PDB file of all heavy atoms in Angstrom:
ATOM      1  N   LEU A   1       1.708 -12.380 -12.523  1.00  0.00           N
ATOM      2  CA  LEU A   1       2.726 -12.890 -11.607  1.00  0.00           C
ATOM      3  C   LEU A   1       2.420 -14.294 -11.091  1.00  0.00           C
ATOM      4  O   LEU A   1       3.342 -15.055 -10.773  1.00  0.00           O
ATOM      5  CB  LEU A   1       2.884 -11.932 -10.422  1.00  0.00           C
ATOM      6  CG  LEU A   1       3.514 -10.565 -10.739  1.00  0.00           C
ATOM      7  CD1 LEU A   1       3.462  -9.667  -9.523  1.00  0.00           C
ATOM      8  CD2 LEU A   1       4.954 -10.721 -11.226  1.00  0.00           C
ATOM      9  N   LEU A   2       1.158 -14.644 -11.020  1.00  0.00           N
ATOM     10  CA  LEU A   2       0.787 -15.916 -10.397  1.00  0.00           C
ATOM     11  C   LEU A   2       0.414 -17.015 -11.390  1.00  0.00           C
ATOM     12  O   LEU A   2       0.314 -18.176 -11.007  1.00  0.00           O
ATOM     13  CB  LEU A   2      -0.376 -15.699  -9.423  1.00  0.00           C
ATOM     14  CG  LEU A   2      -0.099 -14.757  -8.240  1.00  0.00           C
ATOM     15  CD1 LEU A   2      -1.340 -14.643  -7.371  1.00  0.00           C
ATOM     16  CD2 LEU A   2       1.089 -15.253  -7.415  1.00  0.00           C
ATOM     17  N   ASN A   3       0.228 -16.676 -12.641  1.00  0.00           N
ATOM     18  CA  ASN A   3      -0.274 -17.669 -13.594  1.00  0.00           C
ATOM     19  C   ASN A   3       0.587 -17.817 -14.841  1.00  0.00           C
ATOM     20  O   ASN A   3       0.080 -18.113 -15.920  1.00  0.00           O
ATOM     21  CB  ASN A   3      -1.720 -17.306 -14.002  1.00  0.00           C
ATOM     22  CG  ASN A   3      -2.676 -17.331 -12.829  1.00  0.00           C
ATOM     23  OD1 ASN A   3      -2.788 -18.322 -12.117  1.00  0.00           O
ATOM     24  ND2 ASN A   3      -3.351 -16.225 -12.607  1.00  0.00           N
ATOM     25  N   ASN A   4       1.894 -17.606 -14.672  1.00  0.00           N
ATOM     26  CA  ASN A   4       2.790 -17.724 -15.823  1.00  0.00           C
ATOM     27  C   ASN A   4       4.040 -18.547 -15.504  1.00  0.00           C
ATOM     28  O   ASN A   4       5.149 -18.195 -15.891  1.00  0.00           O
ATOM     29  CB  ASN A   4       3.186 -16.324 -16.327  1.00  0.00           C
ATOM     30  CG  ASN A   4       2.080 -15.673 -17.125  1.00  0.00           C
ATOM     31  OD1 ASN A   4       1.818 -16.045 -18.276  1.00  0.00           O
ATOM     32  ND2 ASN A   4       1.406 -14.715 -16.518  1.00  0.00           N
ATOM     33  N   GLY A   5       3.841 -19.621 -14.768  1.00  0.00           N
ATOM     34  CA  GLY A   5       4.941 -20.550 -14.543  1.00  0.00           C
ATOM     35  C   GLY A   5       5.689 -20.335 -13.251  1.00  0.00           C
ATOM     36  O   GLY A   5       5.549 -19.309 -12.570  1.00  0.00           O
ATOM     37  N   ILE A   6       6.509 -21.333 -12.924  1.00  0.00           N
ATOM     38  CA  ILE A   6       7.213 -21.350 -11.646  1.00  0.00           C
ATOM     39  C   ILE A   6       8.229 -20.226 -11.514  1.00  0.00           C
ATOM     40  O   ILE A   6       8.386 -19.631 -10.445  1.00  0.00           O
ATOM     41  CB  ILE A   6       7.907 -22.725 -11.437  1.00  0.00           C
ATOM     42  CG1 ILE A   6       8.542 -22.791 -10.042  1.00  0.00           C
ATOM     43  CG2 ILE A   6       8.915 -22.984 -12.531  1.00  0.00           C
ATOM     44  CD1 ILE A   6       7.543 -22.709  -8.913  1.00  0.00           C
ATOM     45  N   PHE A   7       8.904 -19.881 -12.613  1.00  0.00           N
ATOM     46  CA  PHE A   7       9.933 -18.833 -12.527  1.00  0.00           C
ATOM     47  C   PHE A   7       9.311 -17.458 -12.285  1.00  0.00           C
ATOM     48  O   PHE A   7       9.868 -16.630 -11.555  1.00  0.00           O
ATOM     49  CB  PHE A   7      10.785 -18.830 -13.805  1.00  0.00           C
ATOM     50  CG  PHE A   7      11.637 -20.050 -13.951  1.00  0.00           C
ATOM     51  CD1 PHE A   7      11.341 -21.015 -14.904  1.00  0.00           C
ATOM     52  CD2 PHE A   7      12.733 -20.263 -13.115  1.00  0.00           C
ATOM     53  CE1 PHE A   7      12.119 -22.160 -15.023  1.00  0.00           C
ATOM     54  CE2 PHE A   7      13.508 -21.398 -13.228  1.00  0.00           C
ATOM     55  CZ  PHE A   7      13.204 -22.357 -14.187  1.00  0.00           C
ATOM     56  N   THR A   8       8.157 -17.232 -12.904  1.00  0.00           N
ATOM     57  CA  THR A   8       7.456 -15.964 -12.667  1.00  0.00           C
ATOM     58  C   THR A   8       7.001 -15.873 -11.218  1.00  0.00           C
ATOM     59  O   THR A   8       7.082 -14.819 -10.582  1.00  0.00           O
ATOM     60  CB  THR A   8       6.239 -15.828 -13.608  1.00  0.00           C
ATOM     61  OG1 THR A   8       6.671 -15.984 -14.954  1.00  0.00           O
ATOM     62  CG2 THR A   8       5.577 -14.471 -13.449  1.00  0.00           C
ATOM     63  N   LYS A   9       6.523 -17.023 -10.666  1.00  0.00           N
ATOM     64  CA  LYS A   9       6.097 -17.035  -9.265  1.00  0.00           C
ATOM     65  C   LYS A   9       7.278 -16.768  -8.333  1.00  0.00           C
ATOM     66  O   LYS A   9       7.136 -16.083  -7.317  1.00  0.00           O
ATOM     67  CB  LYS A   9       5.456 -18.371  -8.920  1.00  0.00           C
ATOM     68  CG  LYS A   9       4.082 -18.568  -9.546  1.00  0.00           C
ATOM     69  CD  LYS A   9       3.469 -19.892  -9.101  1.00  0.00           C
ATOM     70  CE  LYS A   9       2.081 -20.074  -9.706  1.00  0.00           C
ATOM     71  NZ  LYS A   9       1.463 -21.353  -9.300  1.00  0.00           N
ATOM     72  N   MET A  10       8.448 -17.296  -8.684  1.00  0.00           N
ATOM     73  CA  MET A  10       9.639 -17.031  -7.873  1.00  0.00           C
ATOM     74  C   MET A  10       9.999 -15.550  -7.912  1.00  0.00           C
ATOM     75  O   MET A  10      10.364 -14.952  -6.891  1.00  0.00           O
ATOM     76  CB  MET A  10      10.801 -17.886  -8.383  1.00  0.00           C
ATOM     77  CG  MET A  10      10.624 -19.380  -8.130  1.00  0.00           C
ATOM     78  SD  MET A  10      11.907 -20.379  -8.942  1.00  0.00           S
ATOM     79  CE  MET A  10      13.380 -19.781  -8.110  1.00  0.00           C
ATOM     80  N   GLY A  11       9.877 -14.976  -9.097  1.00  0.00           N
ATOM     81  CA  GLY A  11      10.133 -13.535  -9.218  1.00  0.00           C
ATOM     82  C   GLY A  11       9.135 -12.721  -8.412  1.00  0.00           C
ATOM     83  O   GLY A  11       9.488 -11.716  -7.792  1.00  0.00           O
ATOM     84  N   ALA A  12       7.883 -13.188  -8.421  1.00  0.00           N
ATOM     85  CA  ALA A  12       6.847 -12.493  -7.663  1.00  0.00           C
ATOM     86  C   ALA A  12       7.160 -12.498  -6.172  1.00  0.00           C
ATOM     87  O   ALA A  12       6.914 -11.516  -5.468  1.00  0.00           O
ATOM     88  CB  ALA A  12       5.489 -13.149  -7.920  1.00  0.00           C
ATOM     89  N   ALA A  13       7.704 -13.613  -5.682  1.00  0.00           N
ATOM     90  CA  ALA A  13       8.066 -13.708  -4.264  1.00  0.00           C
ATOM     91  C   ALA A  13       9.163 -12.705  -3.915  1.00  0.00           C
ATOM     92  O   ALA A  13       9.175 -12.127  -2.828  1.00  0.00           O
ATOM     93  CB  ALA A  13       8.512 -15.124  -3.935  1.00  0.00           C
ATOM     94  N   ILE A  14      10.088 -12.488  -4.864  1.00  0.00           N
ATOM     95  CA  ILE A  14      11.195 -11.560  -4.619  1.00  0.00           C
ATOM     96  C   ILE A  14      10.703 -10.122  -4.536  1.00  0.00           C
ATOM     97  O   ILE A  14      11.144  -9.341  -3.688  1.00  0.00           O
ATOM     98  CB  ILE A  14      12.253 -11.707  -5.729  1.00  0.00           C
ATOM     99  CG1 ILE A  14      12.887 -13.110  -5.660  1.00  0.00           C
ATOM    100  CG2 ILE A  14      13.317 -10.625  -5.612  1.00  0.00           C
ATOM    101  CD1 ILE A  14      13.816 -13.415  -6.820  1.00  0.00           C
ATOM    102  N   VAL A  15       9.766  -9.761  -5.437  1.00  0.00           N
ATOM    103  CA  VAL A  15       9.300  -8.371  -5.477  1.00  0.00           C
ATOM    104  C   VAL A  15       8.070  -8.150  -4.591  1.00  0.00           C
ATOM    105  O   VAL A  15       7.511  -7.053  -4.571  1.00  0.00           O
ATOM    106  CB  VAL A  15       8.969  -7.937  -6.922  1.00  0.00           C
ATOM    107  CG1 VAL A  15      10.192  -8.062  -7.810  1.00  0.00           C
ATOM    108  CG2 VAL A  15       7.809  -8.758  -7.491  1.00  0.00           C
ATOM    109  N   SER A  16       7.681  -9.166  -3.853  1.00  0.00           N
ATOM    110  CA  SER A  16       6.470  -9.076  -3.025  1.00  0.00           C
ATOM    111  C   SER A  16       6.442  -7.869  -2.085  1.00  0.00           C
ATOM    112  O   SER A  16       5.413  -7.194  -1.979  1.00  0.00           O
ATOM    113  CB  SER A  16       6.293 -10.363  -2.218  1.00  0.00           C
ATOM    114  OG  SER A  16       5.173 -10.279  -1.377  1.00  0.00           O
ATOM    115  N   PRO A  17       7.556  -7.549  -1.371  1.00  0.00           N
ATOM    116  CA  PRO A  17       7.512  -6.382  -0.477  1.00  0.00           C
ATOM    117  C   PRO A  17       7.177  -5.087  -1.214  1.00  0.00           C
ATOM    118  O   PRO A  17       6.423  -4.257  -0.699  1.00  0.00           O
ATOM    119  CB  PRO A  17       8.932  -6.344   0.101  1.00  0.00           C
ATOM    120  CG  PRO A  17       9.396  -7.760   0.029  1.00  0.00           C
ATOM    121  CD  PRO A  17       8.826  -8.283  -1.249  1.00  0.00           C
ATOM    122  N   SER A  18       7.719  -4.922  -2.423  1.00  0.00           N
ATOM    123  CA  SER A  18       7.434  -3.720  -3.204  1.00  0.00           C
ATOM    124  C   SER A  18       5.980  -3.690  -3.642  1.00  0.00           C
ATOM    125  O   SER A  18       5.334  -2.634  -3.665  1.00  0.00           O
ATOM    126  CB  SER A  18       8.346  -3.653  -4.433  1.00  0.00           C
ATOM    127  OG  SER A  18       9.695  -3.577  -4.051  1.00  0.00           O
ATOM    128  N   LEU A  19       5.448  -4.856  -3.990  1.00  0.00           N
ATOM    129  CA  LEU A  19       4.056  -4.927  -4.433  1.00  0.00           C
ATOM    130  C   LEU A  19       3.104  -4.609  -3.282  1.00  0.00           C
ATOM    131  O   LEU A  19       2.030  -4.055  -3.500  1.00  0.00           O
ATOM    132  CB  LEU A  19       3.754  -6.310  -5.005  1.00  0.00           C
ATOM    133  CG  LEU A  19       4.509  -6.669  -6.287  1.00  0.00           C
ATOM    134  CD1 LEU A  19       4.144  -8.077  -6.741  1.00  0.00           C
ATOM    135  CD2 LEU A  19       4.204  -5.658  -7.387  1.00  0.00           C
ATOM    136  N   LYS A  20       3.495  -4.983  -2.067  1.00  0.00           N
ATOM    137  CA  LYS A  20       2.657  -4.655  -0.915  1.00  0.00           C
ATOM    138  C   LYS A  20       2.559  -3.147  -0.733  1.00  0.00           C
ATOM    139  O   LYS A  20       1.518  -2.623  -0.347  1.00  0.00           O
ATOM    140  CB  LYS A  20       3.221  -5.310   0.347  1.00  0.00           C
ATOM    141  CG  LYS A  20       2.999  -6.815   0.408  1.00  0.00           C
ATOM    142  CD  LYS A  20       3.564  -7.403   1.692  1.00  0.00           C
ATOM    143  CE  LYS A  20       3.337  -8.922   1.739  1.00  0.00           C
ATOM    144  NZ  LYS A  20       3.916  -9.515   2.972  1.00  0.00           N
ATOM    145  N   GLY A  21       3.658  -2.451  -1.029  1.00  0.00           N
ATOM    146  CA  GLY A  21       3.642  -0.989  -0.958  1.00  0.00           C
ATOM    147  C   GLY A  21       2.696  -0.399  -1.982  1.00  0.00           C
ATOM    148  O   GLY A  21       1.980   0.571  -1.704  1.00  0.00           O
ATOM    149  N   LEU A  22       2.677  -0.990  -3.175  1.00  0.00           N
ATOM    150  CA  LEU A  22       1.764  -0.538  -4.222  1.00  0.00           C
ATOM    151  C   LEU A  22       0.318  -0.772  -3.814  1.00  0.00           C
ATOM    152  O   LEU A  22      -0.547   0.096  -3.997  1.00  0.00           O
ATOM    153  CB  LEU A  22       2.069  -1.277  -5.532  1.00  0.00           C
ATOM    154  CG  LEU A  22       1.214  -0.918  -6.747  1.00  0.00           C
ATOM    155  CD1 LEU A  22       1.438   0.535  -7.132  1.00  0.00           C
ATOM    156  CD2 LEU A  22       1.535  -1.847  -7.916  1.00  0.00           C
ATOM    157  N   LYS A  23       0.053  -1.945  -3.245  1.00  0.00           N
ATOM    158  CA  LYS A  23      -1.302  -2.262  -2.796  1.00  0.00           C
ATOM    159  C   LYS A  23      -1.737  -1.305  -1.689  1.00  0.00           C
ATOM    160  O   LYS A  23      -2.892  -0.860  -1.651  1.00  0.00           O
ATOM    161  CB  LYS A  23      -1.358  -3.710  -2.292  1.00  0.00           C
ATOM    162  CG  LYS A  23      -2.750  -4.143  -1.852  1.00  0.00           C
ATOM    163  CD  LYS A  23      -2.750  -5.591  -1.377  1.00  0.00           C
ATOM    164  CE  LYS A  23      -4.145  -6.010  -0.933  1.00  0.00           C
ATOM    165  NZ  LYS A  23      -4.164  -7.413  -0.443  1.00  0.00           N
ATOM    166  N   LYS A  24      -0.803  -0.970  -0.789  1.00  0.00           N
ATOM    167  CA  LYS A  24      -1.123  -0.066   0.307  1.00  0.00           C
ATOM    168  C   LYS A  24      -1.483   1.320  -0.206  1.00  0.00           C
ATOM    169  O   LYS A  24      -2.369   1.993   0.327  1.00  0.00           O
ATOM    170  CB  LYS A  24       0.064   0.026   1.274  1.00  0.00           C
ATOM    171  CG  LYS A  24      -0.211   0.887   2.508  1.00  0.00           C
ATOM    172  CD  LYS A  24       0.984   0.904   3.444  1.00  0.00           C
ATOM    173  CE  LYS A  24       0.696   1.768   4.669  1.00  0.00           C
ATOM    174  NZ  LYS A  24       1.858   1.806   5.589  1.00  0.00           N
TER     175      LYS A  24
END
């Protein structure tokens, strides 16, 4: 999510809340 270009990073920002749930 963080090392594959600007568009991937933008996508990562969108799904960030869901990823926080996974991390939790």
